[in-house]
Amino acid sequence: MPGTPLASGQETVPVEVQMLGIPRCYSHFVYGFIQSGLTCAIAAAIASFPLMASGHFAAHWLQSWLFSWLLMMPVVLFAAPVIRRMTHAVTREE
């Protein structure tokens, strides 16, 4: 299968990306892992923003993010089923 020609006369080579292949039955854990990491990164950045002028933002943000993620990931993973049941209890099918 030929690649796409580039302006320089070279061709691109198609590359196949292999994903981790985590079984779908564990998708709620993967979702919780990603969601807690992203949420903690944003919250730590907001909390570290006042340190932008002093030049300590990156170090403080990374330390705050890692610490909060380690604490919040188990909370998110264990709270998700309870939150899902509560959500189903207060909503209805259309």
PDB file of N, CA and C in Angstrom:
ATOM      1  N   MET A   1       0.853  -1.168   0.000  1.00  0.00           N
ATOM      2  CA  MET A   1       0.000   0.000   0.000  1.00  0.00           C
ATOM      3  C   MET A   1       0.904   1.237   0.000  1.00  0.00           C
ATOM      4  N   PRO A   2       0.855   2.027  -1.064  1.00  0.00           N
ATOM      5  CA  PRO A   2       1.730   3.194  -1.124  1.00  0.00           C
ATOM      6  C   PRO A   2       1.302   4.270  -0.147  1.00  0.00           C
ATOM      7  N   GLY A   3       2.274   5.058   0.311  1.00  0.00           N
ATOM      8  CA  GLY A   3       1.995   6.154   1.229  1.00  0.00           C
ATOM      9  C   GLY A   3       1.544   7.397   0.490  1.00  0.00           C
ATOM     10  N   THR A   4       1.331   8.457   1.217  1.00  0.00           N
ATOM     11  CA  THR A   4       0.915   9.729   0.654  1.00  0.00           C
ATOM     12  C   THR A   4       2.152  10.521   0.258  1.00  0.00           C
ATOM     13  N   PRO A   5       2.183  11.053  -0.980  1.00  0.00           N
ATOM     14  CA  PRO A   5       3.363  11.825  -1.373  1.00  0.00           C
ATOM     15  C   PRO A   5       3.442  13.153  -0.613  1.00  0.00           C
ATOM     16  N   LEU A   6       4.641  13.543  -0.224  1.00  0.00           N
ATOM     17  CA  LEU A   6       4.882  14.810   0.459  1.00  0.00           C
ATOM     18  C   LEU A   6       5.426  15.821  -0.540  1.00  0.00           C
ATOM     19  N   ALA A   7       5.449  17.090  -0.150  1.00  0.00           N
ATOM     20  CA  ALA A   7       5.959  18.148  -1.019  1.00  0.00           C
ATOM     21  C   ALA A   7       7.434  17.931  -1.355  1.00  0.00           C
ATOM     22  N   SER A   8       8.186  17.288  -0.475  1.00  0.00           N
ATOM     23  CA  SER A   8       9.615  17.077  -0.699  1.00  0.00           C
ATOM     24  C   SER A   8       9.897  15.894  -1.621  1.00  0.00           C
ATOM     25  N   GLY A   9       8.856  15.232  -2.097  1.00  0.00           N
ATOM     26  CA  GLY A   9       9.036  14.090  -2.978  1.00  0.00           C
ATOM     27  C   GLY A   9       9.079  12.764  -2.247  1.00  0.00           C
ATOM     28  N   GLN A  10       9.163  12.778  -0.923  1.00  0.00           N
ATOM     29  CA  GLN A  10       9.168  11.543  -0.146  1.00  0.00           C
ATOM     30  C   GLN A  10       7.734  11.089   0.092  1.00  0.00           C
ATOM     31  N   GLU A  11       7.567   9.837   0.436  1.00  0.00           N
ATOM     32  CA  GLU A  11       6.245   9.310   0.756  1.00  0.00           C
ATOM     33  C   GLU A  11       6.145   9.026   2.244  1.00  0.00           C
ATOM     34  N   THR A  12       4.943   9.220   2.809  1.00  0.00           N
ATOM     35  CA  THR A  12       4.720   8.853   4.206  1.00  0.00           C
ATOM     36  C   THR A  12       4.495   7.359   4.281  1.00  0.00           C
ATOM     37  N   VAL A  13       4.830   6.797   5.402  1.00  0.00           N
ATOM     38  CA  VAL A  13       4.655   5.362   5.613  1.00  0.00           C
ATOM     39  C   VAL A  13       3.512   5.174   6.599  1.00  0.00           C
ATOM     40  N   PRO A  14       2.456   4.427   6.216  1.00  0.00           N
ATOM     41  CA  PRO A  14       1.365   4.199   7.169  1.00  0.00           C
ATOM     42  C   PRO A  14       1.867   3.420   8.384  1.00  0.00           C
ATOM     43  N   VAL A  15       1.439   3.827   9.564  1.00  0.00           N
ATOM     44  CA  VAL A  15       1.861   3.190  10.814  1.00  0.00           C
ATOM     45  C   VAL A  15       0.611   2.695  11.532  1.00  0.00           C
ATOM     46  N   GLU A  16       0.646   1.462  11.983  1.00  0.00           N
ATOM     47  CA  GLU A  16      -0.467   0.908  12.742  1.00  0.00           C
ATOM     48  C   GLU A  16      -0.173   1.075  14.226  1.00  0.00           C
ATOM     49  N   VAL A  17      -1.120   1.656  14.959  1.00  0.00           N
ATOM     50  CA  VAL A  17      -0.949   1.888  16.389  1.00  0.00           C
ATOM     51  C   VAL A  17      -1.626   0.759  17.152  1.00  0.00           C
ATOM     52  N   GLN A  18      -0.880   0.140  18.057  1.00  0.00           N
ATOM     53  CA  GLN A  18      -1.418  -0.947  18.876  1.00  0.00           C
ATOM     54  C   GLN A  18      -1.846  -0.380  20.217  1.00  0.00           C
ATOM     55  N   MET A  19      -3.107  -0.465  20.572  1.00  0.00           N
ATOM     56  CA  MET A  19      -3.610   0.021  21.849  1.00  0.00           C
ATOM     57  C   MET A  19      -3.332  -1.029  22.927  1.00  0.00           C
ATOM     58  N   LEU A  20      -3.540  -0.633  24.173  1.00  0.00           N
ATOM     59  CA  LEU A  20      -3.271  -1.534  25.289  1.00  0.00           C
ATOM     60  C   LEU A  20      -4.142  -2.780  25.264  1.00  0.00           C
ATOM     61  N   GLY A  21      -5.357  -2.643  24.807  1.00  0.00           N
ATOM     62  CA  GLY A  21      -6.248  -3.795  24.732  1.00  0.00           C
ATOM     63  C   GLY A  21      -6.815  -4.212  26.077  1.00  0.00           C
ATOM     64  N   ILE A  22      -7.098  -3.236  26.941  1.00  0.00           N
ATOM     65  CA  ILE A  22      -7.712  -3.541  28.235  1.00  0.00           C
ATOM     66  C   ILE A  22      -9.138  -4.023  27.966  1.00  0.00           C
ATOM     67  N   PRO A  23      -9.556  -5.135  28.549  1.00  0.00           N
ATOM     68  CA  PRO A  23     -10.911  -5.630  28.303  1.00  0.00           C
ATOM     69  C   PRO A  23     -11.969  -4.592  28.683  1.00  0.00           C
ATOM     70  N   ARG A  24     -13.013  -4.515  27.884  1.00  0.00           N
ATOM     71  CA  ARG A  24     -14.056  -3.515  28.055  1.00  0.00           C
ATOM     72  C   ARG A  24     -14.745  -3.618  29.412  1.00  0.00           C
ATOM     73  N   CYS A  25     -14.737  -4.782  30.042  1.00  0.00           N
ATOM     74  CA  CYS A  25     -15.387  -4.920  31.346  1.00  0.00           C
ATOM     75  C   CYS A  25     -14.695  -4.071  32.413  1.00  0.00           C
ATOM     76  N   TYR A  26     -13.488  -3.608  32.142  1.00  0.00           N
ATOM     77  CA  TYR A  26     -12.763  -2.741  33.073  1.00  0.00           C
ATOM     78  C   TYR A  26     -12.823  -1.273  32.669  1.00  0.00           C
ATOM     79  N   SER A  27     -13.701  -0.938  31.726  1.00  0.00           N
ATOM     80  CA  SER A  27     -13.749   0.431  31.215  1.00  0.00           C
ATOM     81  C   SER A  27     -14.092   1.442  32.301  1.00  0.00           C
ATOM     82  N   HIS A  28     -14.874   1.055  33.318  1.00  0.00           N
ATOM     83  CA  HIS A  28     -15.204   2.005  34.382  1.00  0.00           C
ATOM     84  C   HIS A  28     -13.960   2.373  35.195  1.00  0.00           C
ATOM     85  N   PHE A  29     -13.017   1.447  35.348  1.00  0.00           N
ATOM     86  CA  PHE A  29     -11.766   1.757  36.031  1.00  0.00           C
ATOM     87  C   PHE A  29     -10.901   2.689  35.186  1.00  0.00           C
ATOM     88  N   VAL A  30     -10.841   2.424  33.886  1.00  0.00           N
ATOM     89  CA  VAL A  30     -10.068   3.271  32.981  1.00  0.00           C
ATOM     90  C   VAL A  30     -10.659   4.677  32.960  1.00  0.00           C
ATOM     91  N   TYR A  31     -11.984   4.767  32.892  1.00  0.00           N
ATOM     92  CA  TYR A  31     -12.660   6.062  32.904  1.00  0.00           C
ATOM     93  C   TYR A  31     -12.337   6.817  34.197  1.00  0.00           C
ATOM     94  N   GLY A  32     -12.445   6.153  35.334  1.00  0.00           N
ATOM     95  CA  GLY A  32     -12.151   6.780  36.621  1.00  0.00           C
ATOM     96  C   GLY A  32     -10.711   7.224  36.729  1.00  0.00           C
ATOM     97  N   PHE A  33      -9.800   6.429  36.194  1.00  0.00           N
ATOM     98  CA  PHE A  33      -8.374   6.760  36.205  1.00  0.00           C
ATOM     99  C   PHE A  33      -8.119   8.043  35.414  1.00  0.00           C
ATOM    100  N   ILE A  34      -8.679   8.109  34.202  1.00  0.00           N
ATOM    101  CA  ILE A  34      -8.488   9.276  33.344  1.00  0.00           C
ATOM    102  C   ILE A  34      -9.209  10.493  33.916  1.00  0.00           C
ATOM    103  N   GLN A  35     -10.449  10.307  34.351  1.00  0.00           N
ATOM    104  CA  GLN A  35     -11.248  11.424  34.859  1.00  0.00           C
ATOM    105  C   GLN A  35     -10.615  12.019  36.115  1.00  0.00           C
ATOM    106  N   SER A  36     -10.167  11.196  37.039  1.00  0.00           N
ATOM    107  CA  SER A  36      -9.571  11.719  38.268  1.00  0.00           C
ATOM    108  C   SER A  36      -8.253  12.424  37.975  1.00  0.00           C
ATOM    109  N   GLY A  37      -7.468  11.903  37.051  1.00  0.00           N
ATOM    110  CA  GLY A  37      -6.206  12.548  36.689  1.00  0.00           C
ATOM    111  C   GLY A  37      -6.410  13.908  36.061  1.00  0.00           C
ATOM    112  N   LEU A  38      -7.366  14.006  35.148  1.00  0.00           N
ATOM    113  CA  LEU A  38      -7.648  15.280  34.488  1.00  0.00           C
ATOM    114  C   LEU A  38      -8.222  16.296  35.462  1.00  0.00           C
ATOM    115  N   THR A  39      -9.169  15.882  36.273  1.00  0.00           N
ATOM    116  CA  THR A  39      -9.776  16.789  37.245  1.00  0.00           C
ATOM    117  C   THR A  39      -8.744  17.298  38.247  1.00  0.00           C
ATOM    118  N   CYS A  40      -7.911  16.420  38.752  1.00  0.00           N
ATOM    119  CA  CYS A  40      -6.877  16.839  39.706  1.00  0.00           C
ATOM    120  C   CYS A  40      -5.847  17.749  39.053  1.00  0.00           C
ATOM    121  N   ALA A  41      -5.516  17.507  37.789  1.00  0.00           N
ATOM    122  CA  ALA A  41      -4.562  18.370  37.093  1.00  0.00           C
ATOM    123  C   ALA A  41      -5.104  19.790  36.963  1.00  0.00           C
ATOM    124  N   ILE A  42      -6.375  19.917  36.610  1.00  0.00           N
ATOM    125  CA  ILE A  42      -6.989  21.232  36.475  1.00  0.00           C
ATOM    126  C   ILE A  42      -7.090  21.925  37.831  1.00  0.00           C
ATOM    127  N   ALA A  43      -7.553  21.209  38.856  1.00  0.00           N
ATOM    128  CA  ALA A  43      -7.686  21.806  40.188  1.00  0.00           C
ATOM    129  C   ALA A  43      -6.329  22.228  40.744  1.00  0.00           C
ATOM    130  N   ALA A  44      -5.294  21.411  40.539  1.00  0.00           N
ATOM    131  CA  ALA A  44      -3.961  21.758  41.029  1.00  0.00           C
ATOM    132  C   ALA A  44      -3.400  22.967  40.289  1.00  0.00           C
ATOM    133  N   ALA A  45      -3.698  23.075  39.001  1.00  0.00           N
ATOM    134  CA  ALA A  45      -3.243  24.243  38.237  1.00  0.00           C
ATOM    135  C   ALA A  45      -3.905  25.514  38.746  1.00  0.00           C
ATOM    136  N   ILE A  46      -5.201  25.442  39.035  1.00  0.00           N
ATOM    137  CA  ILE A  46      -5.912  26.607  39.564  1.00  0.00           C
ATOM    138  C   ILE A  46      -5.349  26.991  40.930  1.00  0.00           C
ATOM    139  N   ALA A  47      -5.112  26.015  41.780  1.00  0.00           N
ATOM    140  CA  ALA A  47      -4.582  26.291  43.115  1.00  0.00           C
ATOM    141  C   ALA A  47      -3.144  26.816  43.067  1.00  0.00           C
ATOM    142  N   SER A  48      -2.382  26.419  42.046  1.00  0.00           N
ATOM    143  CA  SER A  48      -0.984  26.830  41.940  1.00  0.00           C
ATOM    144  C   SER A  48      -0.807  28.136  41.170  1.00  0.00           C
ATOM    145  N   PHE A  49      -1.864  28.643  40.579  1.00  0.00           N
ATOM    146  CA  PHE A  49      -1.760  29.838  39.740  1.00  0.00           C
ATOM    147  C   PHE A  49      -1.100  31.027  40.437  1.00  0.00           C
ATOM    148  N   PRO A  50      -1.379  31.294  41.724  1.00  0.00           N
ATOM    149  CA  PRO A  50      -0.708  32.433  42.376  1.00  0.00           C
ATOM    150  C   PRO A  50       0.826  32.323  42.387  1.00  0.00           C
ATOM    151  N   LEU A  51       1.381  31.149  42.194  1.00  0.00           N
ATOM    152  CA  LEU A  51       2.833  30.962  42.197  1.00  0.00           C
ATOM    153  C   LEU A  51       3.457  31.216  40.825  1.00  0.00           C
ATOM    154  N   MET A  52       2.642  31.602  39.851  1.00  0.00           N
ATOM    155  CA  MET A  52       3.138  31.839  38.497  1.00  0.00           C
ATOM    156  C   MET A  52       4.228  32.914  38.499  1.00  0.00           C
ATOM    157  N   ALA A  53       4.008  34.005  39.219  1.00  0.00           N
ATOM    158  CA  ALA A  53       4.971  35.115  39.229  1.00  0.00           C
ATOM    159  C   ALA A  53       6.291  34.743  39.903  1.00  0.00           C
ATOM    160  N   SER A  54       6.251  33.873  40.896  1.00  0.00           N
ATOM    161  CA  SER A  54       7.480  33.519  41.615  1.00  0.00           C
ATOM    162  C   SER A  54       8.322  32.482  40.876  1.00  0.00           C
ATOM    163  N   GLY A  55       7.765  31.878  39.835  1.00  0.00           N
ATOM    164  CA  GLY A  55       8.500  30.874  39.072  1.00  0.00           C
ATOM    165  C   GLY A  55       8.433  29.478  39.655  1.00  0.00           C
ATOM    166  N   HIS A  56       7.611  29.278  40.673  1.00  0.00           N
ATOM    167  CA  HIS A  56       7.495  27.965  41.302  1.00  0.00           C
ATOM    168  C   HIS A  56       6.231  27.219  40.867  1.00  0.00           C
ATOM    169  N   PHE A  57       5.549  27.716  39.847  1.00  0.00           N
ATOM    170  CA  PHE A  57       4.279  27.127  39.425  1.00  0.00           C
ATOM    171  C   PHE A  57       4.415  25.656  39.054  1.00  0.00           C
ATOM    172  N   ALA A  58       5.338  25.337  38.152  1.00  0.00           N
ATOM    173  CA  ALA A  58       5.443  23.968  37.624  1.00  0.00           C
ATOM    174  C   ALA A  58       5.728  22.950  38.728  1.00  0.00           C
ATOM    175  N   ALA A  59       6.687  23.246  39.577  1.00  0.00           N
ATOM    176  CA  ALA A  59       7.040  22.302  40.650  1.00  0.00           C
ATOM    177  C   ALA A  59       5.877  22.133  41.626  1.00  0.00           C
ATOM    178  N   HIS A  60       5.259  23.239  42.001  1.00  0.00           N
ATOM    179  CA  HIS A  60       4.128  23.171  42.939  1.00  0.00           C
ATOM    180  C   HIS A  60       2.945  22.452  42.296  1.00  0.00           C
ATOM    181  N   TRP A  61       2.676  22.759  41.016  1.00  0.00           N
ATOM    182  CA  TRP A  61       1.557  22.119  40.321  1.00  0.00           C
ATOM    183  C   TRP A  61       1.770  20.610  40.241  1.00  0.00           C
ATOM    184  N   LEU A  62       2.955  20.186  39.849  1.00  0.00           N
ATOM    185  CA  LEU A  62       3.220  18.752  39.707  1.00  0.00           C
ATOM    186  C   LEU A  62       3.089  18.026  41.041  1.00  0.00           C
ATOM    187  N   GLN A  63       3.629  18.610  42.091  1.00  0.00           N
ATOM    188  CA  GLN A  63       3.541  17.994  43.417  1.00  0.00           C
ATOM    189  C   GLN A  63       2.082  17.946  43.895  1.00  0.00           C
ATOM    190  N   SER A  64       1.360  19.038  43.721  1.00  0.00           N
ATOM    191  CA  SER A  64      -0.046  19.090  44.139  1.00  0.00           C
ATOM    192  C   SER A  64      -0.895  18.120  43.341  1.00  0.00           C
ATOM    193  N   TRP A  65      -0.630  18.055  42.029  1.00  0.00           N
ATOM    194  CA  TRP A  65      -1.414  17.167  41.165  1.00  0.00           C
ATOM    195  C   TRP A  65      -1.193  15.709  41.547  1.00  0.00           C
ATOM    196  N   LEU A  66       0.050  15.317  41.716  1.00  0.00           N
ATOM    197  CA  LEU A  66       0.348  13.922  42.047  1.00  0.00           C
ATOM    198  C   LEU A  66      -0.261  13.526  43.387  1.00  0.00           C
ATOM    199  N   PHE A  67      -0.112  14.375  44.382  1.00  0.00           N
ATOM    200  CA  PHE A  67      -0.655  14.090  45.707  1.00  0.00           C
ATOM    201  C   PHE A  67      -2.188  13.988  45.663  1.00  0.00           C
ATOM    202  N   SER A  68      -2.835  14.954  45.004  1.00  0.00           N
ATOM    203  CA  SER A  68      -4.305  14.928  44.951  1.00  0.00           C
ATOM    204  C   SER A  68      -4.807  13.756  44.119  1.00  0.00           C
ATOM    205  N   TRP A  69      -4.093  13.400  43.053  1.00  0.00           N
ATOM    206  CA  TRP A  69      -4.532  12.279  42.228  1.00  0.00           C
ATOM    207  C   TRP A  69      -4.431  10.967  42.994  1.00  0.00           C
ATOM    208  N   LEU A  70      -3.350  10.792  43.732  1.00  0.00           N
ATOM    209  CA  LEU A  70      -3.200   9.569  44.513  1.00  0.00           C
ATOM    210  C   LEU A  70      -4.305   9.428  45.563  1.00  0.00           C
ATOM    211  N   LEU A  71      -4.750  10.562  46.101  1.00  0.00           N
ATOM    212  CA  LEU A  71      -5.841  10.521  47.086  1.00  0.00           C
ATOM    213  C   LEU A  71      -7.207  10.361  46.436  1.00  0.00           C
ATOM    214  N   MET A  72      -7.426  11.028  45.306  1.00  0.00           N
ATOM    215  CA  MET A  72      -8.756  11.053  44.707  1.00  0.00           C
ATOM    216  C   MET A  72      -9.073   9.858  43.811  1.00  0.00           C
ATOM    217  N   MET A  73      -8.072   9.224  43.230  1.00  0.00           N
ATOM    218  CA  MET A  73      -8.359   8.102  42.336  1.00  0.00           C
ATOM    219  C   MET A  73      -9.152   6.998  43.036  1.00  0.00           C
ATOM    220  N   PRO A  74      -8.767   6.537  44.215  1.00  0.00           N
ATOM    221  CA  PRO A  74      -9.587   5.517  44.873  1.00  0.00           C
ATOM    222  C   PRO A  74     -10.993   6.017  45.220  1.00  0.00           C
ATOM    223  N   VAL A  75     -11.087   7.293  45.605  1.00  0.00           N
ATOM    224  CA  VAL A  75     -12.406   7.854  45.926  1.00  0.00           C
ATOM    225  C   VAL A  75     -13.303   7.805  44.694  1.00  0.00           C
ATOM    226  N   VAL A  76     -12.769   8.241  43.547  1.00  0.00           N
ATOM    227  CA  VAL A  76     -13.549   8.242  42.310  1.00  0.00           C
ATOM    228  C   VAL A  76     -13.937   6.819  41.929  1.00  0.00           C
ATOM    229  N   LEU A  77     -13.005   5.890  42.012  1.00  0.00           N
ATOM    230  CA  LEU A  77     -13.293   4.513  41.596  1.00  0.00           C
ATOM    231  C   LEU A  77     -14.332   3.848  42.489  1.00  0.00           C
ATOM    232  N   PHE A  78     -14.282   4.118  43.787  1.00  0.00           N
ATOM    233  CA  PHE A  78     -15.241   3.493  44.696  1.00  0.00           C
ATOM    234  C   PHE A  78     -16.561   4.252  44.768  1.00  0.00           C
ATOM    235  N   ALA A  79     -16.529   5.555  44.533  1.00  0.00           N
ATOM    236  CA  ALA A  79     -17.758   6.350  44.598  1.00  0.00           C
ATOM    237  C   ALA A  79     -18.585   6.242  43.324  1.00  0.00           C
ATOM    238  N   ALA A  80     -17.975   5.920  42.202  1.00  0.00           N
ATOM    239  CA  ALA A  80     -18.683   5.900  40.924  1.00  0.00           C
ATOM    240  C   ALA A  80     -19.922   4.997  40.933  1.00  0.00           C
ATOM    241  N   PRO A  81     -19.856   3.766  41.433  1.00  0.00           N
ATOM    242  CA  PRO A  81     -21.068   2.940  41.437  1.00  0.00           C
ATOM    243  C   PRO A  81     -22.182   3.535  42.299  1.00  0.00           C
ATOM    244  N   VAL A  82     -21.830   4.132  43.424  1.00  0.00           N
ATOM    245  CA  VAL A  82     -22.835   4.756  44.301  1.00  0.00           C
ATOM    246  C   VAL A  82     -23.455   5.957  43.607  1.00  0.00           C
ATOM    247  N   ILE A  83     -22.635   6.770  42.975  1.00  0.00           N
ATOM    248  CA  ILE A  83     -23.143   7.940  42.257  1.00  0.00           C
ATOM    249  C   ILE A  83     -24.034   7.506  41.096  1.00  0.00           C
ATOM    250  N   ARG A  84     -23.658   6.445  40.402  1.00  0.00           N
ATOM    251  CA  ARG A  84     -24.466   5.932  39.295  1.00  0.00           C
ATOM    252  C   ARG A  84     -25.835   5.488  39.803  1.00  0.00           C
ATOM    253  N   ARG A  85     -25.882   4.788  40.944  1.00  0.00           N
ATOM    254  CA  ARG A  85     -27.176   4.355  41.504  1.00  0.00           C
ATOM    255  C   ARG A  85     -28.013   5.551  41.940  1.00  0.00           C
ATOM    256  N   MET A  86     -27.370   6.559  42.538  1.00  0.00           N
ATOM    257  CA  MET A  86     -28.097   7.761  42.953  1.00  0.00           C
ATOM    258  C   MET A  86     -28.660   8.501  41.732  1.00  0.00           C
ATOM    259  N   THR A  87     -27.874   8.553  40.662  1.00  0.00           N
ATOM    260  CA  THR A  87     -28.320   9.213  39.438  1.00  0.00           C
ATOM    261  C   THR A  87     -29.529   8.500  38.850  1.00  0.00           C
ATOM    262  N   HIS A  88     -29.504   7.177  38.836  1.00  0.00           N
ATOM    263  CA  HIS A  88     -30.648   6.413  38.325  1.00  0.00           C
ATOM    264  C   HIS A  88     -31.876   6.580  39.221  1.00  0.00           C
ATOM    265  N   ALA A  89     -31.660   6.793  40.525  1.00  0.00           N
ATOM    266  CA  ALA A  89     -32.779   6.953  41.443  1.00  0.00           C
ATOM    267  C   ALA A  89     -33.498   8.283  41.249  1.00  0.00           C
ATOM    268  N   VAL A  90     -32.776   9.328  40.841  1.00  0.00           N
ATOM    269  CA  VAL A  90     -33.411  10.642  40.706  1.00  0.00           C
ATOM    270  C   VAL A  90     -33.773  11.008  39.259  1.00  0.00           C
ATOM    271  N   THR A  91     -33.504  10.105  38.321  1.00  0.00           N
ATOM    272  CA  THR A  91     -33.874  10.357  36.924  1.00  0.00           C
ATOM    273  C   THR A  91     -34.874   9.299  36.474  1.00  0.00           C
ATOM    274  N   ARG A  92     -35.442   9.526  35.306  1.00  0.00           N
ATOM    275  CA  ARG A  92     -36.411   8.565  34.748  1.00  0.00           C
ATOM    276  C   ARG A  92     -36.173   8.369  33.269  1.00  0.00           C
ATOM    277  N   GLU A  93     -36.677   7.275  32.746  1.00  0.00           N
ATOM    278  CA  GLU A  93     -36.597   7.007  31.307  1.00  0.00           C
ATOM    279  C   GLU A  93     -37.549   7.931  30.574  1.00  0.00           C
ATOM    280  N   GLU A  94     -37.194   8.337  29.404  1.00  0.00           N
ATOM    281  CA  GLU A  94     -38.097   9.207  28.627  1.00  0.00           C
ATOM    282  C   GLU A  94     -38.988   8.401  27.729  1.00  0.00           C
TER     283      GLU A  94
END
